[in-house]
Amino acid sequence: MTRLTVNNEAVEYRMAPDTPLLWALRDASNLTGTKYGCGTGSCGACTVDIDGKAVRSCQVALRAVEGTFVTTIEGLSRERAHPVQLALIAENVPQCGYCIPGITMAAAALLQRDPMPSDAAIRAAITNICRCGIYPRLVEAIQRAGRAIRGDERLPAAPRPGIDPADAARRVPALDPTARR
């Protein structure tokens, strides 16, 4: 059994010690914000914060995280209120969204160490792969989050997730094949 703290809660995993942390988080803790991407640590979709460091959770066995503090995207802020999340939204960074939890966690770990990173430091720290090509906006978003963390800028609140069902679809009588003519 492996004991650690996940999102500020003590957890004991009754899984094989060589189980990747990714699968313990997703399967045993139902923390599905941490994504499976490549399984080789190359893409960064599975990035979590372990004791203040951005770590690819598919490459870390449970035995290696005994006694550590792990933060997943769910633990960062369920309300999407963390400065990194707000800055990514404000800069229109998220596209398909698959890579965003890992990028968010890598950026949050960077800003925890250095709230005023240079462009080069951001590019060196954020090696996550995004197929949508968000990179030009990503650097500005991370710098903007740093300004918010330092108190130099106030970020707008994130919009509510989802679409109001009344706005999602409407019957248009002219296009409705069941409507009488």
N, C-alpha and C. Protein backbone atom coordinates (compact mmCIF):
# COMPACT_ATOMS: atom_id res chain seq x y z
N MET A 1 0.83 -1.18 0.00
CA MET A 1 0.00 0.00 0.00
C MET A 1 0.87 1.25 0.00
N THR A 2 0.43 2.23 -0.80
CA THR A 2 1.18 3.47 -0.92
C THR A 2 0.35 4.60 -0.34
N ARG A 3 0.95 5.36 0.56
CA ARG A 3 0.26 6.49 1.18
C ARG A 3 0.86 7.79 0.68
N LEU A 4 -0.02 8.71 0.32
CA LEU A 4 0.39 10.02 -0.11
C LEU A 4 -0.77 10.98 0.07
N THR A 5 -0.55 12.23 -0.20
CA THR A 5 -1.60 13.24 -0.11
C THR A 5 -1.93 13.69 -1.52
N VAL A 6 -3.20 13.57 -1.88
CA VAL A 6 -3.67 13.98 -3.21
C VAL A 6 -4.71 15.07 -3.03
N ASN A 7 -4.43 16.22 -3.59
CA ASN A 7 -5.34 17.37 -3.50
C ASN A 7 -5.75 17.63 -2.04
N ASN A 8 -4.75 17.60 -1.17
CA ASN A 8 -4.90 17.89 0.26
C ASN A 8 -5.70 16.84 1.03
N GLU A 9 -5.85 15.66 0.49
CA GLU A 9 -6.51 14.56 1.21
C GLU A 9 -5.56 13.38 1.29
N ALA A 10 -5.44 12.79 2.47
CA ALA A 10 -4.61 11.59 2.63
C ALA A 10 -5.26 10.44 1.88
N VAL A 11 -4.44 9.74 1.11
CA VAL A 11 -4.93 8.62 0.30
C VAL A 11 -4.00 7.43 0.51
N GLU A 12 -4.59 6.26 0.54
CA GLU A 12 -3.81 5.03 0.60
C GLU A 12 -4.25 4.18 -0.59
N TYR A 13 -3.32 3.97 -1.52
CA TYR A 13 -3.63 3.18 -2.70
C TYR A 13 -3.28 1.72 -2.46
N ARG A 14 -4.23 0.86 -2.68
CA ARG A 14 -4.03 -0.59 -2.53
C ARG A 14 -3.82 -1.17 -3.92
N MET A 15 -2.82 -0.67 -4.57
CA MET A 15 -2.47 -1.09 -5.92
C MET A 15 -1.01 -1.54 -5.91
N ALA A 16 -0.62 -2.25 -6.94
CA ALA A 16 0.77 -2.68 -7.04
C ALA A 16 1.69 -1.46 -7.00
N PRO A 17 2.80 -1.54 -6.28
CA PRO A 17 3.70 -0.40 -6.15
C PRO A 17 4.28 0.09 -7.47
N ASP A 18 4.28 -0.77 -8.50
CA ASP A 18 4.81 -0.33 -9.80
C ASP A 18 3.73 0.28 -10.69
N THR A 19 2.51 0.42 -10.19
CA THR A 19 1.44 1.06 -10.95
C THR A 19 1.80 2.52 -11.20
N PRO A 20 1.69 3.00 -12.43
CA PRO A 20 1.94 4.42 -12.67
C PRO A 20 0.94 5.30 -11.90
N LEU A 21 1.43 6.38 -11.36
CA LEU A 21 0.59 7.32 -10.62
C LEU A 21 -0.62 7.74 -11.45
N LEU A 22 -0.44 7.92 -12.74
CA LEU A 22 -1.55 8.30 -13.63
C LEU A 22 -2.76 7.40 -13.42
N TRP A 23 -2.54 6.08 -13.40
CA TRP A 23 -3.65 5.15 -13.31
C TRP A 23 -4.24 5.11 -11.91
N ALA A 24 -3.44 5.34 -10.90
CA ALA A 24 -3.98 5.43 -9.54
C ALA A 24 -4.91 6.64 -9.45
N LEU A 25 -4.47 7.77 -10.00
CA LEU A 25 -5.29 8.98 -9.96
C LEU A 25 -6.58 8.80 -10.74
N ARG A 26 -6.46 8.29 -11.96
CA ARG A 26 -7.64 8.16 -12.82
C ARG A 26 -8.57 7.03 -12.38
N ASP A 27 -8.02 5.86 -12.14
CA ASP A 27 -8.86 4.69 -11.88
C ASP A 27 -9.29 4.56 -10.43
N ALA A 28 -8.39 4.78 -9.50
CA ALA A 28 -8.74 4.58 -8.09
C ALA A 28 -9.35 5.84 -7.48
N SER A 29 -8.86 7.02 -7.86
CA SER A 29 -9.36 8.27 -7.27
C SER A 29 -10.39 8.99 -8.15
N ASN A 30 -10.61 8.50 -9.35
CA ASN A 30 -11.56 9.10 -10.29
C ASN A 30 -11.22 10.56 -10.58
N LEU A 31 -9.94 10.87 -10.64
CA LEU A 31 -9.48 12.21 -10.99
C LEU A 31 -9.10 12.19 -12.48
N THR A 32 -10.10 12.31 -13.31
CA THR A 32 -9.90 12.11 -14.75
C THR A 32 -9.43 13.35 -15.49
N GLY A 33 -9.20 14.45 -14.77
CA GLY A 33 -8.62 15.62 -15.41
C GLY A 33 -7.19 15.37 -15.86
N THR A 34 -6.50 14.49 -15.17
CA THR A 34 -5.16 14.08 -15.56
C THR A 34 -5.33 13.11 -16.73
N LYS A 35 -4.84 13.49 -17.89
CA LYS A 35 -5.11 12.73 -19.12
C LYS A 35 -4.01 11.74 -19.46
N TYR A 36 -4.42 10.65 -20.10
CA TYR A 36 -3.46 9.72 -20.70
C TYR A 36 -3.25 10.19 -22.13
N GLY A 37 -2.00 10.41 -22.48
CA GLY A 37 -1.69 10.85 -23.84
C GLY A 37 -0.86 9.82 -24.56
N CYS A 38 0.42 9.81 -24.27
CA CYS A 38 1.35 8.94 -25.01
C CYS A 38 1.82 7.74 -24.20
N GLY A 39 1.82 7.84 -22.88
CA GLY A 39 2.32 6.77 -22.02
C GLY A 39 3.83 6.71 -21.93
N THR A 40 4.52 7.62 -22.60
CA THR A 40 5.98 7.63 -22.57
C THR A 40 6.57 8.87 -21.91
N GLY A 41 5.71 9.77 -21.44
CA GLY A 41 6.17 10.99 -20.81
C GLY A 41 6.52 12.09 -21.79
N SER A 42 6.26 11.87 -23.06
CA SER A 42 6.64 12.85 -24.08
C SER A 42 5.65 14.00 -24.24
N CYS A 43 4.35 13.73 -24.10
CA CYS A 43 3.35 14.73 -24.45
C CYS A 43 2.98 15.67 -23.31
N GLY A 44 3.03 15.21 -22.07
CA GLY A 44 2.71 16.06 -20.93
C GLY A 44 1.25 16.14 -20.56
N ALA A 45 0.38 15.40 -21.22
CA ALA A 45 -1.05 15.44 -20.89
C ALA A 45 -1.31 14.98 -19.46
N CYS A 46 -0.43 14.17 -18.92
CA CYS A 46 -0.62 13.60 -17.58
C CYS A 46 0.11 14.37 -16.49
N THR A 47 0.57 15.58 -16.78
CA THR A 47 1.36 16.35 -15.82
C THR A 47 0.57 16.69 -14.57
N VAL A 48 1.18 16.44 -13.43
CA VAL A 48 0.64 16.81 -12.12
C VAL A 48 1.76 17.50 -11.34
N ASP A 49 1.40 18.11 -10.24
CA ASP A 49 2.37 18.75 -9.36
C ASP A 49 2.68 17.78 -8.23
N ILE A 50 3.93 17.41 -8.11
CA ILE A 50 4.38 16.56 -7.00
C ILE A 50 5.40 17.37 -6.20
N ASP A 51 5.01 17.73 -5.00
CA ASP A 51 5.86 18.53 -4.11
C ASP A 51 6.42 19.77 -4.81
N GLY A 52 5.57 20.45 -5.59
CA GLY A 52 5.98 21.70 -6.23
C GLY A 52 6.66 21.55 -7.57
N LYS A 53 6.77 20.34 -8.09
CA LYS A 53 7.42 20.12 -9.38
C LYS A 53 6.43 19.52 -10.36
N ALA A 54 6.48 19.98 -11.60
CA ALA A 54 5.64 19.42 -12.66
C ALA A 54 6.24 18.07 -13.06
N VAL A 55 5.42 17.01 -12.96
CA VAL A 55 5.90 15.65 -13.20
C VAL A 55 4.92 14.93 -14.12
N ARG A 56 5.46 14.17 -15.05
CA ARG A 56 4.63 13.35 -15.95
C ARG A 56 4.21 12.10 -15.19
N SER A 57 2.95 12.04 -14.80
CA SER A 57 2.48 10.98 -13.91
C SER A 57 2.47 9.59 -14.54
N CYS A 58 2.54 9.50 -15.86
CA CYS A 58 2.59 8.18 -16.50
C CYS A 58 3.95 7.52 -16.31
N GLN A 59 4.94 8.31 -15.90
CA GLN A 59 6.30 7.81 -15.76
C GLN A 59 6.74 7.61 -14.31
N VAL A 60 5.82 7.82 -13.37
CA VAL A 60 6.16 7.71 -11.95
C VAL A 60 5.37 6.58 -11.32
N ALA A 61 6.08 5.63 -10.74
CA ALA A 61 5.42 4.51 -10.06
C ALA A 61 4.95 4.97 -8.68
N LEU A 62 3.89 4.34 -8.23
CA LEU A 62 3.35 4.67 -6.91
C LEU A 62 4.43 4.61 -5.82
N ARG A 63 5.29 3.61 -5.89
CA ARG A 63 6.32 3.46 -4.85
C ARG A 63 7.20 4.71 -4.76
N ALA A 64 7.35 5.43 -5.87
CA ALA A 64 8.22 6.61 -5.89
C ALA A 64 7.56 7.85 -5.29
N VAL A 65 6.24 7.81 -5.08
CA VAL A 65 5.56 8.98 -4.56
C VAL A 65 5.06 8.80 -3.13
N GLU A 66 5.49 7.74 -2.49
CA GLU A 66 5.13 7.50 -1.09
C GLU A 66 5.47 8.74 -0.26
N GLY A 67 4.46 9.25 0.47
CA GLY A 67 4.67 10.38 1.36
C GLY A 67 4.69 11.75 0.71
N THR A 68 4.45 11.82 -0.58
CA THR A 68 4.50 13.11 -1.26
C THR A 68 3.14 13.80 -1.26
N PHE A 69 3.14 15.04 -1.72
CA PHE A 69 1.93 15.83 -1.91
C PHE A 69 1.72 15.99 -3.41
N VAL A 70 0.61 15.47 -3.90
CA VAL A 70 0.29 15.52 -5.33
C VAL A 70 -0.90 16.43 -5.52
N THR A 71 -0.79 17.32 -6.49
CA THR A 71 -1.92 18.17 -6.86
C THR A 71 -2.24 17.91 -8.32
N THR A 72 -3.52 17.62 -8.57
CA THR A 72 -4.01 17.45 -9.94
C THR A 72 -4.77 18.70 -10.34
N ILE A 73 -5.22 18.75 -11.57
CA ILE A 73 -5.99 19.90 -12.04
C ILE A 73 -7.23 20.12 -11.18
N GLU A 74 -7.83 19.03 -10.69
CA GLU A 74 -9.00 19.17 -9.83
C GLU A 74 -8.64 19.84 -8.51
N GLY A 75 -7.44 19.60 -8.02
CA GLY A 75 -6.99 20.18 -6.77
C GLY A 75 -6.50 21.60 -6.92
N LEU A 76 -6.14 21.99 -8.13
CA LEU A 76 -5.68 23.36 -8.36
C LEU A 76 -6.84 24.32 -8.14
N SER A 77 -7.97 24.07 -8.80
CA SER A 77 -9.18 24.87 -8.60
C SER A 77 -10.30 24.28 -9.43
N ARG A 78 -11.26 23.67 -8.77
CA ARG A 78 -12.43 23.13 -9.47
C ARG A 78 -13.26 24.24 -10.10
N GLU A 79 -13.18 25.44 -9.55
CA GLU A 79 -13.97 26.57 -10.05
C GLU A 79 -13.28 27.32 -11.19
N ARG A 80 -12.13 26.82 -11.63
CA ARG A 80 -11.34 27.48 -12.67
C ARG A 80 -10.96 28.90 -12.26
N ALA A 81 -10.59 29.07 -10.99
CA ALA A 81 -10.28 30.38 -10.46
C ALA A 81 -8.79 30.62 -10.23
N HIS A 82 -7.94 29.62 -10.50
CA HIS A 82 -6.50 29.81 -10.34
C HIS A 82 -6.02 30.79 -11.42
N PRO A 83 -5.07 31.67 -11.12
CA PRO A 83 -4.61 32.64 -12.11
C PRO A 83 -4.17 32.02 -13.44
N VAL A 84 -3.57 30.84 -13.43
CA VAL A 84 -3.18 30.21 -14.70
C VAL A 84 -4.43 29.85 -15.51
N GLN A 85 -5.42 29.28 -14.86
CA GLN A 85 -6.65 28.93 -15.56
C GLN A 85 -7.33 30.18 -16.12
N LEU A 86 -7.41 31.23 -15.31
CA LEU A 86 -8.05 32.46 -15.77
C LEU A 86 -7.29 33.10 -16.93
N ALA A 87 -5.97 33.09 -16.86
CA ALA A 87 -5.17 33.69 -17.93
C ALA A 87 -5.27 32.88 -19.22
N LEU A 88 -5.28 31.55 -19.11
CA LEU A 88 -5.43 30.73 -20.31
C LEU A 88 -6.77 31.02 -20.98
N ILE A 89 -7.82 31.16 -20.19
CA ILE A 89 -9.13 31.46 -20.75
C ILE A 89 -9.15 32.86 -21.35
N ALA A 90 -8.59 33.84 -20.63
CA ALA A 90 -8.58 35.22 -21.10
C ALA A 90 -7.83 35.38 -22.41
N GLU A 91 -6.79 34.58 -22.60
CA GLU A 91 -5.98 34.66 -23.83
C GLU A 91 -6.48 33.69 -24.91
N ASN A 92 -7.62 33.06 -24.68
CA ASN A 92 -8.20 32.11 -25.65
C ASN A 92 -7.24 30.99 -26.01
N VAL A 93 -6.56 30.47 -25.02
CA VAL A 93 -5.60 29.39 -25.26
C VAL A 93 -6.28 28.04 -25.49
N PRO A 94 -7.23 27.64 -24.64
CA PRO A 94 -7.80 26.29 -24.82
C PRO A 94 -8.51 26.13 -26.16
N GLN A 95 -8.21 25.05 -26.82
CA GLN A 95 -8.89 24.72 -28.08
C GLN A 95 -9.66 23.43 -27.85
N CYS A 96 -9.08 22.29 -28.20
CA CYS A 96 -9.80 21.04 -27.95
C CYS A 96 -9.81 20.73 -26.46
N GLY A 97 -8.82 21.20 -25.72
CA GLY A 97 -8.79 21.07 -24.28
C GLY A 97 -8.07 19.87 -23.72
N TYR A 98 -7.69 18.92 -24.54
CA TYR A 98 -7.11 17.69 -24.03
C TYR A 98 -5.80 17.94 -23.28
N CYS A 99 -4.95 18.78 -23.82
CA CYS A 99 -3.64 19.03 -23.22
C CYS A 99 -3.68 20.06 -22.10
N ILE A 100 -4.75 20.81 -22.00
CA ILE A 100 -4.80 21.97 -21.11
C ILE A 100 -4.58 21.63 -19.63
N PRO A 101 -5.14 20.54 -19.09
CA PRO A 101 -4.84 20.26 -17.68
C PRO A 101 -3.34 20.08 -17.41
N GLY A 102 -2.65 19.35 -18.27
CA GLY A 102 -1.22 19.15 -18.10
C GLY A 102 -0.44 20.44 -18.25
N ILE A 103 -0.80 21.26 -19.23
CA ILE A 103 -0.14 22.55 -19.43
C ILE A 103 -0.40 23.45 -18.23
N THR A 104 -1.63 23.45 -17.75
CA THR A 104 -1.98 24.27 -16.58
C THR A 104 -1.14 23.89 -15.38
N MET A 105 -0.99 22.60 -15.15
CA MET A 105 -0.21 22.14 -13.99
C MET A 105 1.27 22.49 -14.15
N ALA A 106 1.80 22.35 -15.36
CA ALA A 106 3.20 22.72 -15.60
C ALA A 106 3.41 24.22 -15.40
N ALA A 107 2.47 25.02 -15.89
CA ALA A 107 2.58 26.47 -15.74
C ALA A 107 2.44 26.88 -14.28
N ALA A 108 1.52 26.27 -13.55
CA ALA A 108 1.34 26.60 -12.13
C ALA A 108 2.60 26.28 -11.34
N ALA A 109 3.23 25.14 -11.63
CA ALA A 109 4.48 24.78 -10.94
C ALA A 109 5.59 25.77 -11.27
N LEU A 110 5.67 26.18 -12.53
CA LEU A 110 6.67 27.18 -12.93
C LEU A 110 6.46 28.48 -12.17
N LEU A 111 5.23 28.97 -12.16
CA LEU A 111 4.95 30.26 -11.52
C LEU A 111 5.09 30.20 -10.01
N GLN A 112 4.95 29.02 -9.44
CA GLN A 112 5.18 28.86 -8.00
C GLN A 112 6.66 29.09 -7.70
N ARG A 113 7.53 28.62 -8.59
CA ARG A 113 8.98 28.80 -8.42
C ARG A 113 9.42 30.20 -8.83
N ASP A 114 8.84 30.71 -9.92
CA ASP A 114 9.27 31.97 -10.52
C ASP A 114 8.05 32.72 -11.04
N PRO A 115 7.51 33.67 -10.26
CA PRO A 115 6.31 34.37 -10.71
C PRO A 115 6.55 35.41 -11.80
N MET A 116 7.80 35.53 -12.25
CA MET A 116 8.13 36.48 -13.31
C MET A 116 9.07 35.82 -14.32
N PRO A 117 8.63 34.71 -14.94
CA PRO A 117 9.53 33.99 -15.85
C PRO A 117 9.70 34.71 -17.18
N SER A 118 10.86 34.55 -17.76
CA SER A 118 11.12 35.09 -19.09
C SER A 118 10.45 34.20 -20.14
N ASP A 119 10.38 34.69 -21.37
CA ASP A 119 9.86 33.87 -22.46
C ASP A 119 10.64 32.57 -22.57
N ALA A 120 11.96 32.67 -22.45
CA ALA A 120 12.81 31.49 -22.57
C ALA A 120 12.55 30.50 -21.43
N ALA A 121 12.34 31.01 -20.23
CA ALA A 121 12.06 30.12 -19.09
C ALA A 121 10.72 29.41 -19.28
N ILE A 122 9.74 30.12 -19.82
CA ILE A 122 8.44 29.51 -20.08
C ILE A 122 8.58 28.41 -21.12
N ARG A 123 9.27 28.70 -22.20
CA ARG A 123 9.43 27.70 -23.27
C ARG A 123 10.23 26.49 -22.78
N ALA A 124 11.17 26.71 -21.87
CA ALA A 124 11.94 25.60 -21.33
C ALA A 124 11.11 24.75 -20.37
N ALA A 125 10.22 25.38 -19.61
CA ALA A 125 9.44 24.66 -18.60
C ALA A 125 8.20 23.98 -19.18
N ILE A 126 7.62 24.56 -20.21
CA ILE A 126 6.38 24.02 -20.78
C ILE A 126 6.73 23.27 -22.06
N THR A 127 7.02 22.00 -21.89
CA THR A 127 7.40 21.17 -23.04
C THR A 127 6.25 20.27 -23.48
N ASN A 128 5.07 20.55 -22.95
CA ASN A 128 3.88 19.78 -23.29
C ASN A 128 3.56 19.94 -24.78
N ILE A 129 3.00 18.90 -25.36
CA ILE A 129 2.62 18.93 -26.77
C ILE A 129 1.15 19.29 -26.90
N CYS A 130 0.88 20.23 -27.81
CA CYS A 130 -0.51 20.60 -28.12
C CYS A 130 -0.68 20.51 -29.62
N ARG A 131 -1.55 19.63 -30.05
CA ARG A 131 -1.79 19.45 -31.49
C ARG A 131 -2.54 20.62 -32.10
N CYS A 132 -3.20 21.42 -31.25
CA CYS A 132 -3.97 22.56 -31.77
C CYS A 132 -3.08 23.78 -32.05
N GLY A 133 -1.86 23.78 -31.57
CA GLY A 133 -0.92 24.86 -31.85
C GLY A 133 -1.17 26.13 -31.06
N ILE A 134 -1.38 26.02 -29.78
CA ILE A 134 -1.70 27.17 -28.93
C ILE A 134 -0.46 27.95 -28.49
N TYR A 135 0.70 27.54 -28.89
CA TYR A 135 1.95 28.07 -28.36
C TYR A 135 2.10 29.60 -28.43
N PRO A 136 1.72 30.27 -29.52
CA PRO A 136 1.90 31.73 -29.53
C PRO A 136 1.14 32.43 -28.40
N ARG A 137 -0.06 31.96 -28.08
CA ARG A 137 -0.85 32.59 -27.01
C ARG A 137 -0.45 32.09 -25.63
N LEU A 138 0.17 30.94 -25.57
CA LEU A 138 0.50 30.32 -24.29
C LEU A 138 1.52 31.13 -23.50
N VAL A 139 2.55 31.62 -24.15
CA VAL A 139 3.58 32.39 -23.44
C VAL A 139 2.96 33.64 -22.82
N GLU A 140 2.15 34.36 -23.59
CA GLU A 140 1.51 35.57 -23.05
C GLU A 140 0.57 35.22 -21.90
N ALA A 141 -0.16 34.12 -22.02
CA ALA A 141 -1.07 33.73 -20.95
C ALA A 141 -0.31 33.43 -19.66
N ILE A 142 0.82 32.75 -19.76
CA ILE A 142 1.60 32.42 -18.56
C ILE A 142 2.19 33.70 -17.96
N GLN A 143 2.66 34.61 -18.79
CA GLN A 143 3.16 35.88 -18.26
C GLN A 143 2.03 36.67 -17.59
N ARG A 144 0.84 36.61 -18.19
CA ARG A 144 -0.31 37.30 -17.61
C ARG A 144 -0.69 36.68 -16.26
N ALA A 145 -0.64 35.37 -16.16
CA ALA A 145 -0.91 34.70 -14.89
C ALA A 145 0.12 35.12 -13.85
N GLY A 146 1.37 35.24 -14.26
CA GLY A 146 2.41 35.70 -13.34
C GLY A 146 2.12 37.10 -12.82
N ARG A 147 1.66 37.98 -13.72
CA ARG A 147 1.31 39.34 -13.28
C ARG A 147 0.17 39.30 -12.26
N ALA A 148 -0.79 38.41 -12.49
CA ALA A 148 -1.92 38.28 -11.56
C ALA A 148 -1.45 37.75 -10.21
N ILE A 149 -0.56 36.77 -10.23
CA ILE A 149 -0.03 36.20 -8.99
C ILE A 149 0.74 37.25 -8.20
N ARG A 150 1.48 38.09 -8.93
CA ARG A 150 2.25 39.16 -8.27
C ARG A 150 1.37 40.34 -7.83
N GLY A 151 0.11 40.36 -8.28
CA GLY A 151 -0.80 41.46 -7.94
C GLY A 151 -0.72 42.63 -8.88
N ASP A 152 -0.06 42.47 -10.02
CA ASP A 152 0.09 43.55 -10.99
C ASP A 152 -1.07 43.63 -11.99
N GLU A 153 -1.92 42.61 -12.00
CA GLU A 153 -3.04 42.58 -12.95
C GLU A 153 -4.18 41.79 -12.33
N ARG A 154 -5.38 42.21 -12.66
CA ARG A 154 -6.58 41.49 -12.21
C ARG A 154 -7.18 40.80 -13.44
N LEU A 155 -7.44 39.52 -13.29
CA LEU A 155 -7.99 38.75 -14.40
C LEU A 155 -9.50 38.62 -14.27
N PRO A 156 -10.20 38.62 -15.41
CA PRO A 156 -11.66 38.44 -15.34
C PRO A 156 -12.00 37.03 -14.89
N ALA A 157 -13.14 36.89 -14.25
CA ALA A 157 -13.62 35.57 -13.81
C ALA A 157 -13.89 34.70 -15.02
N ALA A 158 -13.74 33.42 -14.83
CA ALA A 158 -14.01 32.47 -15.91
C ALA A 158 -15.51 32.38 -16.14
N PRO A 159 -15.91 32.19 -17.39
CA PRO A 159 -17.34 31.99 -17.64
C PRO A 159 -17.79 30.66 -17.07
N ARG A 160 -19.08 30.56 -16.78
CA ARG A 160 -19.62 29.29 -16.31
C ARG A 160 -19.40 28.24 -17.37
N PRO A 161 -19.02 27.02 -16.97
CA PRO A 161 -18.85 25.96 -17.96
C PRO A 161 -20.21 25.53 -18.53
N GLY A 162 -20.17 25.07 -19.75
CA GLY A 162 -21.38 24.54 -20.36
C GLY A 162 -22.21 25.59 -21.06
N ILE A 163 -23.27 25.13 -21.67
CA ILE A 163 -24.18 25.97 -22.43
C ILE A 163 -25.55 25.83 -21.81
N ASP A 164 -26.23 26.93 -21.65
CA ASP A 164 -27.61 26.88 -21.17
C ASP A 164 -28.42 26.09 -22.19
N PRO A 165 -29.14 25.06 -21.75
CA PRO A 165 -29.91 24.25 -22.70
C PRO A 165 -30.83 25.07 -23.59
N ALA A 166 -31.34 26.19 -23.08
CA ALA A 166 -32.21 27.03 -23.90
C ALA A 166 -31.46 27.66 -25.06
N ASP A 167 -30.15 27.82 -24.90
CA ASP A 167 -29.34 28.41 -25.97
C ASP A 167 -28.70 27.36 -26.87
N ALA A 168 -28.75 26.11 -26.48
CA ALA A 168 -28.05 25.06 -27.22
C ALA A 168 -28.73 24.70 -28.53
N ALA A 169 -30.04 24.66 -28.54
CA ALA A 169 -30.75 24.29 -29.77
C ALA A 169 -32.16 24.86 -29.72
N ARG A 170 -32.61 25.30 -30.86
CA ARG A 170 -33.97 25.81 -30.97
C ARG A 170 -34.60 25.22 -32.22
N ARG A 171 -35.85 24.95 -32.15
CA ARG A 171 -36.58 24.49 -33.33
C ARG A 171 -36.83 25.69 -34.22
N VAL A 172 -36.50 25.54 -35.45
CA VAL A 172 -36.77 26.57 -36.44
C VAL A 172 -37.87 26.03 -37.33
N PRO A 173 -39.08 26.57 -37.22
CA PRO A 173 -40.22 26.01 -37.95
C PRO A 173 -39.96 25.83 -39.44
N ALA A 174 -39.25 26.75 -40.06
CA ALA A 174 -39.04 26.64 -41.51
C ALA A 174 -38.15 25.44 -41.85
N LEU A 175 -37.33 25.00 -40.90
CA LEU A 175 -36.43 23.88 -41.17
C LEU A 175 -36.91 22.57 -40.55
N ASP A 176 -37.97 22.64 -39.75
CA ASP A 176 -38.48 21.46 -39.05
C ASP A 176 -39.32 20.60 -39.98
N PRO A 177 -38.86 19.39 -40.32
CA PRO A 177 -39.62 18.55 -41.26
C PRO A 177 -40.95 18.08 -40.69
N THR A 178 -41.10 18.16 -39.34
CA THR A 178 -42.37 17.71 -38.75
C THR A 178 -43.39 18.84 -38.64
N ALA A 179 -42.95 20.05 -38.90
CA ALA A 179 -43.87 21.19 -38.79
C ALA A 179 -44.85 21.20 -39.97
N ARG A 180 -46.07 21.63 -39.70
CA ARG A 180 -47.08 21.74 -40.76
C ARG A 180 -46.80 22.95 -41.60
N ARG A 181 -47.08 22.81 -42.86
CA ARG A 181 -46.83 23.94 -43.76
C ARG A 181 -48.11 24.51 -44.24
